[in-house]
Amino acid sequence: MSFVPAHAAVWFEIPASDFAKSKAFYGAVVGSDLTDEEGGPNPMARFAAEGQSSVAGHIYPGKPAAPGTGPTIHLAVADLEAALKRVTENDGTVVSPVITIPAGRFAYCLDPDGNSFGLFV
């Protein structure tokens, strides 16, 4: 195999049982509004990212996996500790301590639907 993409991941989708609640949750946690977008098969709200060709993703009305069992995506935040506080203030759960690796610092969380995600700085 010789294909080496510029980015290993190019898009992510997070299912939400309550679209409005999930949009508010993620907007509060990451500290930037999600933008409603039309044109797909479902309503969706896109995470802020620099430019339309940036690696990004959205939430959409859908059925989440059982709590903590789906894939884990990591979202960029400016201040990890402040974002972790916003997780619990908005009915999410922080499930790990802050972990430091050579690339930065992160922690694992669950959103109100049980979707696993990480916050990374």
PDB file of N, CA and C in Angstrom:
ATOM      1  N   MET A   1       0.842  -1.185   0.000  1.00  0.00           N
ATOM      2  CA  MET A   1       0.000   0.000   0.000  1.00  0.00           C
ATOM      3  C   MET A   1       0.879   1.237   0.000  1.00  0.00           C
ATOM      4  N   SER A   2       0.485   2.234  -0.772  1.00  0.00           N
ATOM      5  CA  SER A   2       1.302   3.437  -0.836  1.00  0.00           C
ATOM      6  C   SER A   2       0.518   4.729  -0.657  1.00  0.00           C
ATOM      7  N   PHE A   3      -0.786   4.674  -0.503  1.00  0.00           N
ATOM      8  CA  PHE A   3      -1.581   5.884  -0.329  1.00  0.00           C
ATOM      9  C   PHE A   3      -1.342   6.472   1.055  1.00  0.00           C
ATOM     10  N   VAL A   4      -0.889   7.716   1.089  1.00  0.00           N
ATOM     11  CA  VAL A   4      -0.689   8.420   2.357  1.00  0.00           C
ATOM     12  C   VAL A   4      -1.448   9.746   2.257  1.00  0.00           C
ATOM     13  N   PRO A   5      -2.614   9.827   2.914  1.00  0.00           N
ATOM     14  CA  PRO A   5      -3.418  11.046   2.819  1.00  0.00           C
ATOM     15  C   PRO A   5      -2.808  12.192   3.631  1.00  0.00           C
ATOM     16  N   ALA A   6      -3.217  13.392   3.312  1.00  0.00           N
ATOM     17  CA  ALA A   6      -2.776  14.566   4.079  1.00  0.00           C
ATOM     18  C   ALA A   6      -3.287  14.498   5.510  1.00  0.00           C
ATOM     19  N   HIS A   7      -4.470  13.943   5.711  1.00  0.00           N
ATOM     20  CA  HIS A   7      -5.083  13.801   7.032  1.00  0.00           C
ATOM     21  C   HIS A   7      -5.687  12.411   7.118  1.00  0.00           C
ATOM     22  N   ALA A   8      -5.407  11.677   8.176  1.00  0.00           N
ATOM     23  CA  ALA A   8      -5.958  10.332   8.330  1.00  0.00           C
ATOM     24  C   ALA A   8      -7.475  10.363   8.486  1.00  0.00           C
ATOM     25  N   ALA A   9      -7.978  11.364   9.159  1.00  0.00           N
ATOM     26  CA  ALA A   9      -9.422  11.563   9.304  1.00  0.00           C
ATOM     27  C   ALA A   9      -9.793  12.827   8.536  1.00  0.00           C
ATOM     28  N   VAL A  10     -10.940  12.805   7.867  1.00  0.00           N
ATOM     29  CA  VAL A  10     -11.344  13.971   7.085  1.00  0.00           C
ATOM     30  C   VAL A  10     -12.681  14.564   7.514  1.00  0.00           C
ATOM     31  N   TRP A  11     -13.464  13.823   8.269  1.00  0.00           N
ATOM     32  CA  TRP A  11     -14.782  14.312   8.678  1.00  0.00           C
ATOM     33  C   TRP A  11     -15.285  13.431   9.808  1.00  0.00           C
ATOM     34  N   PHE A  12     -16.091  13.984  10.698  1.00  0.00           N
ATOM     35  CA  PHE A  12     -16.732  13.170  11.724  1.00  0.00           C
ATOM     36  C   PHE A  12     -18.173  13.583  11.859  1.00  0.00           C
ATOM     37  N   GLU A  13     -18.987  12.637  12.332  1.00  0.00           N
ATOM     38  CA  GLU A  13     -20.397  12.871  12.561  1.00  0.00           C
ATOM     39  C   GLU A  13     -20.760  12.333  13.940  1.00  0.00           C
ATOM     40  N   ILE A  14     -21.486  13.128  14.696  1.00  0.00           N
ATOM     41  CA  ILE A  14     -21.912  12.719  16.036  1.00  0.00           C
ATOM     42  C   ILE A  14     -23.433  12.671  16.056  1.00  0.00           C
ATOM     43  N   PRO A  15     -24.019  11.490  16.298  1.00  0.00           N
ATOM     44  CA  PRO A  15     -25.479  11.406  16.357  1.00  0.00           C
ATOM     45  C   PRO A  15     -26.007  12.008  17.649  1.00  0.00           C
ATOM     46  N   ALA A  16     -27.170  12.622  17.558  1.00  0.00           N
ATOM     47  CA  ALA A  16     -27.773  13.297  18.712  1.00  0.00           C
ATOM     48  C   ALA A  16     -29.245  12.921  18.812  1.00  0.00           C
ATOM     49  N   SER A  17     -29.658  12.447  19.988  1.00  0.00           N
ATOM     50  CA  SER A  17     -31.075  12.129  20.181  1.00  0.00           C
ATOM     51  C   SER A  17     -31.915  13.396  20.320  1.00  0.00           C
ATOM     52  N   ASP A  18     -31.316  14.471  20.833  1.00  0.00           N
ATOM     53  CA  ASP A  18     -31.968  15.779  20.950  1.00  0.00           C
ATOM     54  C   ASP A  18     -31.040  16.785  20.275  1.00  0.00           C
ATOM     55  N   PHE A  19     -31.324  17.078  19.013  1.00  0.00           N
ATOM     56  CA  PHE A  19     -30.445  17.911  18.187  1.00  0.00           C
ATOM     57  C   PHE A  19     -30.160  19.271  18.823  1.00  0.00           C
ATOM     58  N   ALA A  20     -31.184  19.969  19.279  1.00  0.00           N
ATOM     59  CA  ALA A  20     -31.003  21.310  19.861  1.00  0.00           C
ATOM     60  C   ALA A  20     -30.156  21.244  21.133  1.00  0.00           C
ATOM     61  N   LYS A  21     -30.410  20.248  21.988  1.00  0.00           N
ATOM     62  CA  LYS A  21     -29.645  20.102  23.227  1.00  0.00           C
ATOM     63  C   LYS A  21     -28.179  19.781  22.921  1.00  0.00           C
ATOM     64  N   SER A  22     -27.935  18.915  21.963  1.00  0.00           N
ATOM     65  CA  SER A  22     -26.558  18.563  21.600  1.00  0.00           C
ATOM     66  C   SER A  22     -25.829  19.744  20.976  1.00  0.00           C
ATOM     67  N   LYS A  23     -26.529  20.508  20.160  1.00  0.00           N
ATOM     68  CA  LYS A  23     -25.919  21.696  19.553  1.00  0.00           C
ATOM     69  C   LYS A  23     -25.509  22.680  20.650  1.00  0.00           C
ATOM     70  N   ALA A  24     -26.373  22.902  21.615  1.00  0.00           N
ATOM     71  CA  ALA A  24     -26.053  23.808  22.727  1.00  0.00           C
ATOM     72  C   ALA A  24     -24.908  23.243  23.573  1.00  0.00           C
ATOM     73  N   PHE A  25     -24.930  21.930  23.854  1.00  0.00           N
ATOM     74  CA  PHE A  25     -23.885  21.288  24.653  1.00  0.00           C
ATOM     75  C   PHE A  25     -22.518  21.475  24.000  1.00  0.00           C
ATOM     76  N   TYR A  26     -22.389  21.065  22.758  1.00  0.00           N
ATOM     77  CA  TYR A  26     -21.074  21.149  22.105  1.00  0.00           C
ATOM     78  C   TYR A  26     -20.635  22.593  21.893  1.00  0.00           C
ATOM     79  N   GLY A  27     -21.555  23.484  21.584  1.00  0.00           N
ATOM     80  CA  GLY A  27     -21.195  24.896  21.461  1.00  0.00           C
ATOM     81  C   GLY A  27     -20.623  25.442  22.758  1.00  0.00           C
ATOM     82  N   ALA A  28     -21.273  25.100  23.876  1.00  0.00           N
ATOM     83  CA  ALA A  28     -20.788  25.554  25.180  1.00  0.00           C
ATOM     84  C   ALA A  28     -19.439  24.938  25.512  1.00  0.00           C
ATOM     85  N   VAL A  29     -19.278  23.637  25.274  1.00  0.00           N
ATOM     86  CA  VAL A  29     -18.045  22.943  25.651  1.00  0.00           C
ATOM     87  C   VAL A  29     -16.848  23.438  24.849  1.00  0.00           C
ATOM     88  N   VAL A  30     -16.975  23.538  23.523  1.00  0.00           N
ATOM     89  CA  VAL A  30     -15.818  23.944  22.712  1.00  0.00           C
ATOM     90  C   VAL A  30     -15.642  25.459  22.658  1.00  0.00           C
ATOM     91  N   GLY A  31     -16.640  26.197  23.090  1.00  0.00           N
ATOM     92  CA  GLY A  31     -16.511  27.646  23.130  1.00  0.00           C
ATOM     93  C   GLY A  31     -16.717  28.345  21.809  1.00  0.00           C
ATOM     94  N   SER A  32     -17.431  27.690  20.885  1.00  0.00           N
ATOM     95  CA  SER A  32     -17.783  28.335  19.620  1.00  0.00           C
ATOM     96  C   SER A  32     -19.091  27.738  19.113  1.00  0.00           C
ATOM     97  N   ASP A  33     -19.870  28.587  18.456  1.00  0.00           N
ATOM     98  CA  ASP A  33     -21.176  28.152  17.965  1.00  0.00           C
ATOM     99  C   ASP A  33     -21.027  27.137  16.837  1.00  0.00           C
ATOM    100  N   LEU A  34     -21.957  26.194  16.782  1.00  0.00           N
ATOM    101  CA  LEU A  34     -22.061  25.297  15.649  1.00  0.00           C
ATOM    102  C   LEU A  34     -23.001  25.950  14.645  1.00  0.00           C
ATOM    103  N   THR A  35     -22.716  25.797  13.365  1.00  0.00           N
ATOM    104  CA  THR A  35     -23.470  26.447  12.311  1.00  0.00           C
ATOM    105  C   THR A  35     -24.421  25.468  11.644  1.00  0.00           C
ATOM    106  N   ASP A  36     -25.721  25.818  11.607  1.00  0.00           N
ATOM    107  CA  ASP A  36     -26.695  24.977  10.917  1.00  0.00           C
ATOM    108  C   ASP A  36     -26.370  24.953   9.436  1.00  0.00           C
ATOM    109  N   GLU A  37     -26.464  23.752   8.841  1.00  0.00           N
ATOM    110  CA  GLU A  37     -26.221  23.597   7.410  1.00  0.00           C
ATOM    111  C   GLU A  37     -27.350  22.790   6.793  1.00  0.00           C
ATOM    112  N   GLU A  38     -27.690  23.134   5.586  1.00  0.00           N
ATOM    113  CA  GLU A  38     -28.718  22.453   4.806  1.00  0.00           C
ATOM    114  C   GLU A  38     -28.032  21.728   3.649  1.00  0.00           C
ATOM    115  N   GLY A  39     -28.779  20.894   2.972  1.00  0.00           N
ATOM    116  CA  GLY A  39     -28.261  20.268   1.772  1.00  0.00           C
ATOM    117  C   GLY A  39     -27.925  18.804   1.929  1.00  0.00           C
ATOM    118  N   GLY A  40     -27.872  18.317   3.146  1.00  0.00           N
ATOM    119  CA  GLY A  40     -27.607  16.907   3.364  1.00  0.00           C
ATOM    120  C   GLY A  40     -28.904  16.151   3.541  1.00  0.00           C
ATOM    121  N   PRO A  41     -28.797  14.871   3.804  1.00  0.00           N
ATOM    122  CA  PRO A  41     -30.011  14.081   4.003  1.00  0.00           C
ATOM    123  C   PRO A  41     -30.684  14.360   5.350  1.00  0.00           C
ATOM    124  N   ASN A  42     -29.959  15.009   6.272  1.00  0.00           N
ATOM    125  CA  ASN A  42     -30.486  15.331   7.598  1.00  0.00           C
ATOM    126  C   ASN A  42     -30.124  16.762   7.946  1.00  0.00           C
ATOM    127  N   PRO A  43     -30.838  17.349   8.919  1.00  0.00           N
ATOM    128  CA  PRO A  43     -30.349  18.613   9.464  1.00  0.00           C
ATOM    129  C   PRO A  43     -28.976  18.354  10.086  1.00  0.00           C
ATOM    130  N   MET A  44     -28.115  19.320  10.089  1.00  0.00           N
ATOM    131  CA  MET A  44     -26.813  19.169  10.718  1.00  0.00           C
ATOM    132  C   MET A  44     -26.318  20.508  11.219  1.00  0.00           C
ATOM    133  N   ALA A  45     -25.444  20.451  12.204  1.00  0.00           N
ATOM    134  CA  ALA A  45     -24.810  21.651  12.746  1.00  0.00           C
ATOM    135  C   ALA A  45     -23.305  21.385  12.746  1.00  0.00           C
ATOM    136  N   ARG A  46     -22.571  22.224  12.013  1.00  0.00           N
ATOM    137  CA  ARG A  46     -21.145  22.032  11.782  1.00  0.00           C
ATOM    138  C   ARG A  46     -20.320  22.715  12.858  1.00  0.00           C
ATOM    139  N   PHE A  47     -19.286  22.002  13.324  1.00  0.00           N
ATOM    140  CA  PHE A  47     -18.329  22.578  14.250  1.00  0.00           C
ATOM    141  C   PHE A  47     -17.506  23.636  13.536  1.00  0.00           C
ATOM    142  N   ALA A  48     -17.121  24.683  14.252  1.00  0.00           N
ATOM    143  CA  ALA A  48     -16.292  25.741  13.673  1.00  0.00           C
ATOM    144  C   ALA A  48     -14.909  25.178  13.355  1.00  0.00           C
ATOM    145  N   ALA A  49     -14.400  25.549  12.209  1.00  0.00           N
ATOM    146  CA  ALA A  49     -13.052  25.176  11.789  1.00  0.00           C
ATOM    147  C   ALA A  49     -12.578  26.225  10.797  1.00  0.00           C
ATOM    148  N   GLU A  50     -11.302  26.411  10.736  1.00  0.00           N
ATOM    149  CA  GLU A  50     -10.726  27.423   9.858  1.00  0.00           C
ATOM    150  C   GLU A  50     -10.874  27.002   8.401  1.00  0.00           C
ATOM    151  N   GLY A  51     -11.749  27.669   7.680  1.00  0.00           N
ATOM    152  CA  GLY A  51     -11.942  27.393   6.258  1.00  0.00           C
ATOM    153  C   GLY A  51     -12.839  26.198   5.994  1.00  0.00           C
ATOM    154  N   GLN A  52     -13.468  26.186   4.833  1.00  0.00           N
ATOM    155  CA  GLN A  52     -14.387  25.113   4.465  1.00  0.00           C
ATOM    156  C   GLN A  52     -13.673  23.798   4.178  1.00  0.00           C
ATOM    157  N   SER A  53     -12.375  23.837   3.879  1.00  0.00           N
ATOM    158  CA  SER A  53     -11.664  22.597   3.573  1.00  0.00           C
ATOM    159  C   SER A  53     -10.941  22.017   4.784  1.00  0.00           C
ATOM    160  N   SER A  54     -11.124  22.622   5.961  1.00  0.00           N
ATOM    161  CA  SER A  54     -10.511  22.099   7.182  1.00  0.00           C
ATOM    162  C   SER A  54     -11.137  20.776   7.582  1.00  0.00           C
ATOM    163  N   VAL A  55     -10.388  19.962   8.291  1.00  0.00           N
ATOM    164  CA  VAL A  55     -10.956  18.749   8.871  1.00  0.00           C
ATOM    165  C   VAL A  55     -11.930  19.209   9.948  1.00  0.00           C
ATOM    166  N   ALA A  56     -13.165  18.767   9.857  1.00  0.00           N
ATOM    167  CA  ALA A  56     -14.201  19.200  10.788  1.00  0.00           C
ATOM    168  C   ALA A  56     -15.257  18.107  10.864  1.00  0.00           C
ATOM    169  N   GLY A  57     -16.421  18.461  11.372  1.00  0.00           N
ATOM    170  CA  GLY A  57     -17.509  17.513  11.464  1.00  0.00           C
ATOM    171  C   GLY A  57     -18.777  18.193  11.916  1.00  0.00           C
ATOM    172  N   HIS A  58     -19.802  17.388  12.169  1.00  0.00           N
ATOM    173  CA  HIS A  58     -21.083  17.952  12.573  1.00  0.00           C
ATOM    174  C   HIS A  58     -21.828  16.998  13.498  1.00  0.00           C
ATOM    175  N   ILE A  59     -22.874  17.543  14.117  1.00  0.00           N
ATOM    176  CA  ILE A  59     -23.848  16.716  14.818  1.00  0.00           C
ATOM    177  C   ILE A  59     -25.066  16.619  13.913  1.00  0.00           C
ATOM    178  N   TYR A  60     -25.840  15.558  14.094  1.00  0.00           N
ATOM    179  CA  TYR A  60     -27.051  15.365  13.303  1.00  0.00           C
ATOM    180  C   TYR A  60     -28.051  14.569  14.126  1.00  0.00           C
ATOM    181  N   PRO A  61     -29.350  14.694  13.828  1.00  0.00           N
ATOM    182  CA  PRO A  61     -30.333  13.901  14.551  1.00  0.00           C
ATOM    183  C   PRO A  61     -30.123  12.423  14.206  1.00  0.00           C
ATOM    184  N   GLY A  62     -29.829  11.623  15.192  1.00  0.00           N
ATOM    185  CA  GLY A  62     -29.575  10.211  14.940  1.00  0.00           C
ATOM    186  C   GLY A  62     -29.584   9.430  16.231  1.00  0.00           C
ATOM    187  N   LYS A  63     -29.338   8.143  16.121  1.00  0.00           N
ATOM    188  CA  LYS A  63     -29.354   7.257  17.280  1.00  0.00           C
ATOM    189  C   LYS A  63     -27.916   6.988  17.730  1.00  0.00           C
ATOM    190  N   PRO A  64     -27.530   7.524  18.898  1.00  0.00           N
ATOM    191  CA  PRO A  64     -26.193   7.260  19.419  1.00  0.00           C
ATOM    192  C   PRO A  64     -26.019   5.794  19.792  1.00  0.00           C
ATOM    193  N   ALA A  65     -24.774   5.338  19.785  1.00  0.00           N
ATOM    194  CA  ALA A  65     -24.449   3.997  20.275  1.00  0.00           C
ATOM    195  C   ALA A  65     -24.695   3.956  21.778  1.00  0.00           C
ATOM    196  N   ALA A  66     -24.653   2.789  22.351  1.00  0.00           N
ATOM    197  CA  ALA A  66     -24.784   2.671  23.808  1.00  0.00           C
ATOM    198  C   ALA A  66     -23.687   3.507  24.465  1.00  0.00           C
ATOM    199  N   PRO A  67     -23.981   4.133  25.599  1.00  0.00           N
ATOM    200  CA  PRO A  67     -23.005   5.031  26.233  1.00  0.00           C
ATOM    201  C   PRO A  67     -21.595   4.445  26.333  1.00  0.00           C
ATOM    202  N   GLY A  68     -20.653   5.214  25.797  1.00  0.00           N
ATOM    203  CA  GLY A  68     -19.240   4.867  25.879  1.00  0.00           C
ATOM    204  C   GLY A  68     -18.775   3.779  24.934  1.00  0.00           C
ATOM    205  N   THR A  69     -19.630   3.328  23.993  1.00  0.00           N
ATOM    206  CA  THR A  69     -19.246   2.211  23.124  1.00  0.00           C
ATOM    207  C   THR A  69     -18.872   2.605  21.707  1.00  0.00           C
ATOM    208  N   GLY A  70     -19.199   3.801  21.272  1.00  0.00           N
ATOM    209  CA  GLY A  70     -18.903   4.213  19.905  1.00  0.00           C
ATOM    210  C   GLY A  70     -17.472   4.704  19.773  1.00  0.00           C
ATOM    211  N   PRO A  71     -17.112   5.163  18.579  1.00  0.00           N
ATOM    212  CA  PRO A  71     -15.769   5.708  18.390  1.00  0.00           C
ATOM    213  C   PRO A  71     -15.585   6.993  19.199  1.00  0.00           C
ATOM    214  N   THR A  72     -14.355   7.365  19.436  1.00  0.00           N
ATOM    215  CA  THR A  72     -14.051   8.583  20.183  1.00  0.00           C
ATOM    216  C   THR A  72     -13.381   9.580  19.253  1.00  0.00           C
ATOM    217  N   ILE A  73     -13.954  10.771  19.154  1.00  0.00           N
ATOM    218  CA  ILE A  73     -13.318  11.853  18.408  1.00  0.00           C
ATOM    219  C   ILE A  73     -12.759  12.838  19.425  1.00  0.00           C
ATOM    220  N   HIS A  74     -11.735  13.557  19.027  1.00  0.00           N
ATOM    221  CA  HIS A  74     -11.126  14.550  19.911  1.00  0.00           C
ATOM    222  C   HIS A  74     -11.372  15.935  19.317  1.00  0.00           C
ATOM    223  N   LEU A  75     -11.872  16.840  20.146  1.00  0.00           N
ATOM    224  CA  LEU A  75     -12.200  18.192  19.728  1.00  0.00           C
ATOM    225  C   LEU A  75     -11.188  19.173  20.299  1.00  0.00           C
ATOM    226  N   ALA A  76     -10.778  20.124  19.490  1.00  0.00           N
ATOM    227  CA  ALA A  76      -9.821  21.140  19.921  1.00  0.00           C
ATOM    228  C   ALA A  76     -10.513  22.183  20.784  1.00  0.00           C
ATOM    229  N   VAL A  77      -9.846  22.548  21.888  1.00  0.00           N
ATOM    230  CA  VAL A  77     -10.318  23.617  22.760  1.00  0.00           C
ATOM    231  C   VAL A  77      -9.144  24.521  23.102  1.00  0.00           C
ATOM    232  N   ALA A  78      -9.430  25.734  23.514  1.00  0.00           N
ATOM    233  CA  ALA A  78      -8.378  26.693  23.859  1.00  0.00           C
ATOM    234  C   ALA A  78      -7.858  26.483  25.277  1.00  0.00           C
ATOM    235  N   ASP A  79      -8.741  26.108  26.209  1.00  0.00           N
ATOM    236  CA  ASP A  79      -8.385  25.946  27.622  1.00  0.00           C
ATOM    237  C   ASP A  79      -9.024  24.642  28.107  1.00  0.00           C
ATOM    238  N   LEU A  80      -8.212  23.621  28.313  1.00  0.00           N
ATOM    239  CA  LEU A  80      -8.719  22.295  28.643  1.00  0.00           C
ATOM    240  C   LEU A  80      -9.505  22.279  29.954  1.00  0.00           C
ATOM    241  N   GLU A  81      -8.948  22.837  31.015  1.00  0.00           N
ATOM    242  CA  GLU A  81      -9.633  22.800  32.305  1.00  0.00           C
ATOM    243  C   GLU A  81     -10.975  23.531  32.260  1.00  0.00           C
ATOM    244  N   ALA A  82     -11.027  24.674  31.594  1.00  0.00           N
ATOM    245  CA  ALA A  82     -12.291  25.409  31.467  1.00  0.00           C
ATOM    246  C   ALA A  82     -13.312  24.603  30.666  1.00  0.00           C
ATOM    247  N   ALA A  83     -12.863  23.954  29.602  1.00  0.00           N
ATOM    248  CA  ALA A  83     -13.773  23.144  28.786  1.00  0.00           C
ATOM    249  C   ALA A  83     -14.294  21.947  29.567  1.00  0.00           C
ATOM    250  N   LEU A  84     -13.446  21.317  30.380  1.00  0.00           N
ATOM    251  CA  LEU A  84     -13.892  20.190  31.196  1.00  0.00           C
ATOM    252  C   LEU A  84     -14.961  20.627  32.202  1.00  0.00           C
ATOM    253  N   LYS A  85     -14.797  21.809  32.751  1.00  0.00           N
ATOM    254  CA  LYS A  85     -15.805  22.351  33.664  1.00  0.00           C
ATOM    255  C   LYS A  85     -17.137  22.547  32.932  1.00  0.00           C
ATOM    256  N   ARG A  86     -17.063  23.023  31.682  1.00  0.00           N
ATOM    257  CA  ARG A  86     -18.283  23.237  30.897  1.00  0.00           C
ATOM    258  C   ARG A  86     -18.959  21.914  30.541  1.00  0.00           C
ATOM    259  N   VAL A  87     -18.195  20.835  30.413  1.00  0.00           N
ATOM    260  CA  VAL A  87     -18.795  19.523  30.164  1.00  0.00           C
ATOM    261  C   VAL A  87     -19.764  19.192  31.292  1.00  0.00           C
ATOM    262  N   THR A  88     -19.301  19.254  32.534  1.00  0.00           N
ATOM    263  CA  THR A  88     -20.159  18.882  33.664  1.00  0.00           C
ATOM    264  C   THR A  88     -21.283  19.889  33.887  1.00  0.00           C
ATOM    265  N   GLU A  89     -21.035  21.155  33.599  1.00  0.00           N
ATOM    266  CA  GLU A  89     -22.071  22.179  33.753  1.00  0.00           C
ATOM    267  C   GLU A  89     -23.211  22.005  32.744  1.00  0.00           C
ATOM    268  N   ASN A  90     -22.950  21.249  31.679  1.00  0.00           N
ATOM    269  CA  ASN A  90     -23.939  21.081  30.610  1.00  0.00           C
ATOM    270  C   ASN A  90     -24.403  19.626  30.473  1.00  0.00           C
ATOM    271  N   ASP A  91     -24.402  18.897  31.591  1.00  0.00           N
ATOM    272  CA  ASP A  91     -24.942  17.531  31.675  1.00  0.00           C
ATOM    273  C   ASP A  91     -24.105  16.464  30.986  1.00  0.00           C
ATOM    274  N   GLY A  92     -22.824  16.739  30.736  1.00  0.00           N
ATOM    275  CA  GLY A  92     -21.913  15.719  30.235  1.00  0.00           C
ATOM    276  C   GLY A  92     -21.113  15.150  31.398  1.00  0.00           C
ATOM    277  N   THR A  93     -20.233  14.211  31.091  1.00  0.00           N
ATOM    278  CA  THR A  93     -19.433  13.546  32.110  1.00  0.00           C
ATOM    279  C   THR A  93     -17.970  13.512  31.693  1.00  0.00           C
ATOM    280  N   VAL A  94     -17.084  13.899  32.581  1.00  0.00           N
ATOM    281  CA  VAL A  94     -15.650  13.750  32.363  1.00  0.00           C
ATOM    282  C   VAL A  94     -15.291  12.373  32.908  1.00  0.00           C
ATOM    283  N   VAL A  95     -14.654  11.528  32.082  1.00  0.00           N
ATOM    284  CA  VAL A  95     -14.418  10.144  32.503  1.00  0.00           C
ATOM    285  C   VAL A  95     -12.941   9.795  32.690  1.00  0.00           C
ATOM    286  N   SER A  96     -12.046  10.759  32.514  1.00  0.00           N
ATOM    287  CA  SER A  96     -10.626  10.478  32.753  1.00  0.00           C
ATOM    288  C   SER A  96      -9.964  11.715  33.331  1.00  0.00           C
ATOM    289  N   PRO A  97      -8.819  11.518  33.950  1.00  0.00           N
ATOM    290  CA  PRO A  97      -8.029  12.692  34.322  1.00  0.00           C
ATOM    291  C   PRO A  97      -7.408  13.271  33.053  1.00  0.00           C
ATOM    292  N   VAL A  98      -6.796  14.426  33.179  1.00  0.00           N
ATOM    293  CA  VAL A  98      -6.060  15.006  32.056  1.00  0.00           C
ATOM    294  C   VAL A  98      -4.849  14.117  31.779  1.00  0.00           C
ATOM    295  N   ILE A  99      -4.661  13.785  30.524  1.00  0.00           N
ATOM    296  CA  ILE A  99      -3.567  12.916  30.081  1.00  0.00           C
ATOM    297  C   ILE A  99      -2.617  13.741  29.226  1.00  0.00           C
ATOM    298  N   THR A 100      -1.324  13.677  29.523  1.00  0.00           N
ATOM    299  CA  THR A 100      -0.329  14.408  28.757  1.00  0.00           C
ATOM    300  C   THR A 100       0.435  13.440  27.868  1.00  0.00           C
ATOM    301  N   ILE A 101       0.532  13.786  26.587  1.00  0.00           N
ATOM    302  CA  ILE A 101       1.315  13.021  25.617  1.00  0.00           C
ATOM    303  C   ILE A 101       2.206  14.022  24.887  1.00  0.00           C
ATOM    304  N   PRO A 102       3.174  13.566  24.111  1.00  0.00           N
ATOM    305  CA  PRO A 102       4.055  14.527  23.423  1.00  0.00           C
ATOM    306  C   PRO A 102       3.315  15.561  22.565  1.00  0.00           C
ATOM    307  N   ALA A 103       2.185  15.182  21.989  1.00  0.00           N
ATOM    308  CA  ALA A 103       1.456  16.113  21.110  1.00  0.00           C
ATOM    309  C   ALA A 103       0.610  17.126  21.859  1.00  0.00           C
ATOM    310  N   GLY A 104       0.348  16.924  23.150  1.00  0.00           N
ATOM    311  CA  GLY A 104      -0.484  17.861  23.899  1.00  0.00           C
ATOM    312  C   GLY A 104      -1.130  17.205  25.109  1.00  0.00           C
ATOM    313  N   ARG A 105      -2.282  17.753  25.507  1.00  0.00           N
ATOM    314  CA  ARG A 105      -3.015  17.279  26.685  1.00  0.00           C
ATOM    315  C   ARG A 105      -4.463  17.056  26.301  1.00  0.00           C
ATOM    316  N   PHE A 106      -5.081  16.016  26.894  1.00  0.00           N
ATOM    317  CA  PHE A 106      -6.480  15.737  26.587  1.00  0.00           C
ATOM    318  C   PHE A 106      -7.132  15.008  27.748  1.00  0.00           C
ATOM    319  N   ALA A 107      -8.467  14.908  27.671  1.00  0.00           N
ATOM    320  CA  ALA A 107      -9.245  14.114  28.623  1.00  0.00           C
ATOM    321  C   ALA A 107     -10.430  13.526  27.874  1.00  0.00           C
ATOM    322  N   TYR A 108     -10.861  12.355  28.334  1.00  0.00           N
ATOM    323  CA  TYR A 108     -12.024  11.693  27.754  1.00  0.00           C
ATOM    324  C   TYR A 108     -13.291  12.127  28.469  1.00  0.00           C
ATOM    325  N   CYS A 109     -14.387  12.234  27.689  1.00  0.00           N
ATOM    326  CA  CYS A 109     -15.682  12.675  28.211  1.00  0.00           C
ATOM    327  C   CYS A 109     -16.803  11.909  27.526  1.00  0.00           C
ATOM    328  N   LEU A 110     -18.010  12.060  28.071  1.00  0.00           N
ATOM    329  CA  LEU A 110     -19.232  11.570  27.436  1.00  0.00           C
ATOM    330  C   LEU A 110     -20.195  12.747  27.322  1.00  0.00           C
ATOM    331  N   ASP A 111     -20.873  12.848  26.166  1.00  0.00           N
ATOM    332  CA  ASP A 111     -21.890  13.893  26.038  1.00  0.00           C
ATOM    333  C   ASP A 111     -23.179  13.401  26.689  1.00  0.00           C
ATOM    334  N   PRO A 112     -24.235  14.216  26.738  1.00  0.00           N
ATOM    335  CA  PRO A 112     -25.476  13.783  27.400  1.00  0.00           C
ATOM    336  C   PRO A 112     -26.096  12.514  26.808  1.00  0.00           C
ATOM    337  N   ASP A 113     -25.781  12.196  25.533  1.00  0.00           N
ATOM    338  CA  ASP A 113     -26.277  10.965  24.910  1.00  0.00           C
ATOM    339  C   ASP A 113     -25.379   9.764  25.187  1.00  0.00           C
ATOM    340  N   GLY A 114     -24.217   9.994  25.796  1.00  0.00           N
ATOM    341  CA  GLY A 114     -23.283   8.905  26.031  1.00  0.00           C
ATOM    342  C   GLY A 114     -22.222   8.762  24.957  1.00  0.00           C
ATOM    343  N   ASN A 115     -22.243   9.645  23.931  1.00  0.00           N
ATOM    344  CA  ASN A 115     -21.201   9.614  22.909  1.00  0.00           C
ATOM    345  C   ASN A 115     -19.857   9.931  23.551  1.00  0.00           C
ATOM    346  N   SER A 116     -18.845   9.138  23.228  1.00  0.00           N
ATOM    347  CA  SER A 116     -17.501   9.356  23.739  1.00  0.00           C
ATOM    348  C   SER A 116     -16.804  10.423  22.907  1.00  0.00           C
ATOM    349  N   PHE A 117     -16.125  11.348  23.586  1.00  0.00           N
ATOM    350  CA  PHE A 117     -15.320  12.338  22.885  1.00  0.00           C
ATOM    351  C   PHE A 117     -14.180  12.752  23.787  1.00  0.00           C
ATOM    352  N   GLY A 118     -13.152  13.291  23.174  1.00  0.00           N
ATOM    353  CA  GLY A 118     -12.037  13.821  23.932  1.00  0.00           C
ATOM    354  C   GLY A 118     -11.945  15.308  23.686  1.00  0.00           C
ATOM    355  N   LEU A 119     -11.370  16.008  24.656  1.00  0.00           N
ATOM    356  CA  LEU A 119     -11.067  17.434  24.503  1.00  0.00           C
ATOM    357  C   LEU A 119      -9.554  17.533  24.493  1.00  0.00           C
ATOM    358  N   PHE A 120      -9.016  18.250  23.511  1.00  0.00           N
ATOM    359  CA  PHE A 120      -7.573  18.254  23.264  1.00  0.00           C
ATOM    360  C   PHE A 120      -7.038  19.671  23.132  1.00  0.00           C
ATOM    361  N   VAL A 121      -5.907  19.893  23.767  1.00  0.00           N
ATOM    362  CA  VAL A 121      -5.224  21.171  23.616  1.00  0.00           C
ATOM    363  C   VAL A 121      -3.741  20.894  23.465  1.00  0.00           C
TER     364      VAL A 121
END
